[in-house]
N, C-alpha and C. Protein backbone atom coordinates (compact mmCIF):
# COMPACT_ATOMS: atom_id res chain seq x y z
N ALA A 1 99.71 99.03 87.24
CA ALA A 1 99.31 97.90 87.83
C ALA A 1 98.95 97.57 86.34
N SER A 2 99.28 95.87 86.22
CA SER A 2 99.12 95.27 85.11
C SER A 2 97.37 94.33 84.98
N PRO A 3 96.71 94.16 83.96
CA PRO A 3 95.61 94.06 83.77
C PRO A 3 95.48 92.57 84.67
N ARG A 4 96.82 91.56 84.57
CA ARG A 4 96.24 90.76 85.23
C ARG A 4 96.56 90.97 86.80
N HIS A 5 97.16 91.73 87.44
CA HIS A 5 97.20 92.28 88.58
C HIS A 5 95.63 92.82 89.03
N ALA A 6 95.41 93.80 88.30
CA ALA A 6 93.92 94.02 88.53
C ALA A 6 92.85 93.31 88.74
N TYR A 7 92.85 91.96 87.78
CA TYR A 7 92.02 90.95 87.72
C TYR A 7 92.03 90.31 88.89
N THR A 8 93.29 90.04 89.47
CA THR A 8 93.70 88.84 90.66
C THR A 8 93.20 89.65 91.71
N ARG A 9 93.61 91.15 91.95
CA ARG A 9 93.12 91.67 92.88
C ARG A 9 91.60 91.51 93.21
N ALA A 10 91.00 91.76 92.06
CA ALA A 10 89.48 91.67 91.95
C ALA A 10 89.16 90.50 92.78
N LEU A 11 89.60 89.15 92.16
CA LEU A 11 88.97 88.13 92.57
C LEU A 11 89.57 87.80 94.18
N LEU A 12 90.78 88.14 94.79
CA LEU A 12 90.94 88.32 96.13
C LEU A 12 90.03 89.11 96.63
N ASP A 13 89.36 90.35 96.17
CA ASP A 13 88.67 90.99 96.89
C ASP A 13 87.17 90.81 97.32
N ALA A 14 86.91 90.00 96.10
CA ALA A 14 85.60 89.18 96.21
C ALA A 14 85.89 88.17 96.77
N HIS A 15 86.62 87.40 96.97
CA HIS A 15 86.73 86.12 98.04
C HIS A 15 87.19 86.22 99.32
N LEU A 16 87.71 87.33 99.30
CA LEU A 16 88.41 87.54 100.97
C LEU A 16 87.65 88.81 101.41
N GLY A 17 86.80 89.69 100.90
CA GLY A 17 86.48 90.82 101.06
C GLY A 17 85.50 90.60 102.57
N LEU A 18 84.58 89.41 102.54
CA LEU A 18 83.73 89.60 103.97
C LEU A 18 84.65 88.95 105.24
N ASP A 19 85.89 88.50 104.72
CA ASP A 19 86.82 88.21 106.04
C ASP A 19 87.54 89.16 106.20
N THR A 20 88.35 90.13 105.08
CA THR A 20 89.05 91.05 105.74
C THR A 20 88.62 92.60 105.84
N GLU A 21 87.18 92.59 105.51
CA GLU A 21 86.47 93.87 106.06
C GLU A 21 86.74 94.18 107.01
N PRO A 22 86.32 93.26 108.24
CA PRO A 22 86.03 93.24 109.41
C PRO A 22 87.27 93.48 110.22
N LEU A 23 88.13 92.95 110.02
CA LEU A 23 89.61 93.07 110.29
C LEU A 23 90.15 94.62 110.06
N LEU A 24 89.83 95.18 109.16
CA LEU A 24 90.13 96.36 108.58
C LEU A 24 89.27 97.55 109.39
N GLN A 25 88.20 96.85 109.50
CA GLN A 25 87.37 97.93 110.55
C GLN A 25 87.83 97.82 111.78
N GLN A 26 88.11 96.76 112.29
CA GLN A 26 89.05 96.54 113.60
C GLN A 26 90.11 97.26 113.87
N ALA A 27 91.13 97.17 112.85
CA ALA A 27 92.46 98.06 112.81
C ALA A 27 92.09 99.65 112.91
N GLY A 28 91.35 99.84 112.08
CA GLY A 28 91.00 101.20 111.68
C GLY A 28 90.48 101.66 113.35
N ALA A 29 89.37 100.91 113.86
CA ALA A 29 89.00 101.41 115.37
C ALA A 29 89.99 101.21 116.54
N SER A 30 91.12 100.72 115.96
CA SER A 30 91.97 100.16 117.23
C SER A 30 92.82 101.51 117.16
N ARG A 31 93.09 102.33 116.11
CA ARG A 31 93.89 103.18 116.18
C ARG A 31 93.73 104.80 117.05
C-alpha cells in the first residue's frame, strides 16, 4: 500500500469509523 493510500484509509477510518463499526458488528453477529 502506498503512503497516500494509508493516509486516505486513516482519514476514512477516522471519519467513518463511528458509522461503519456498528455495521461491521451487525454483519459479524448475523453470520
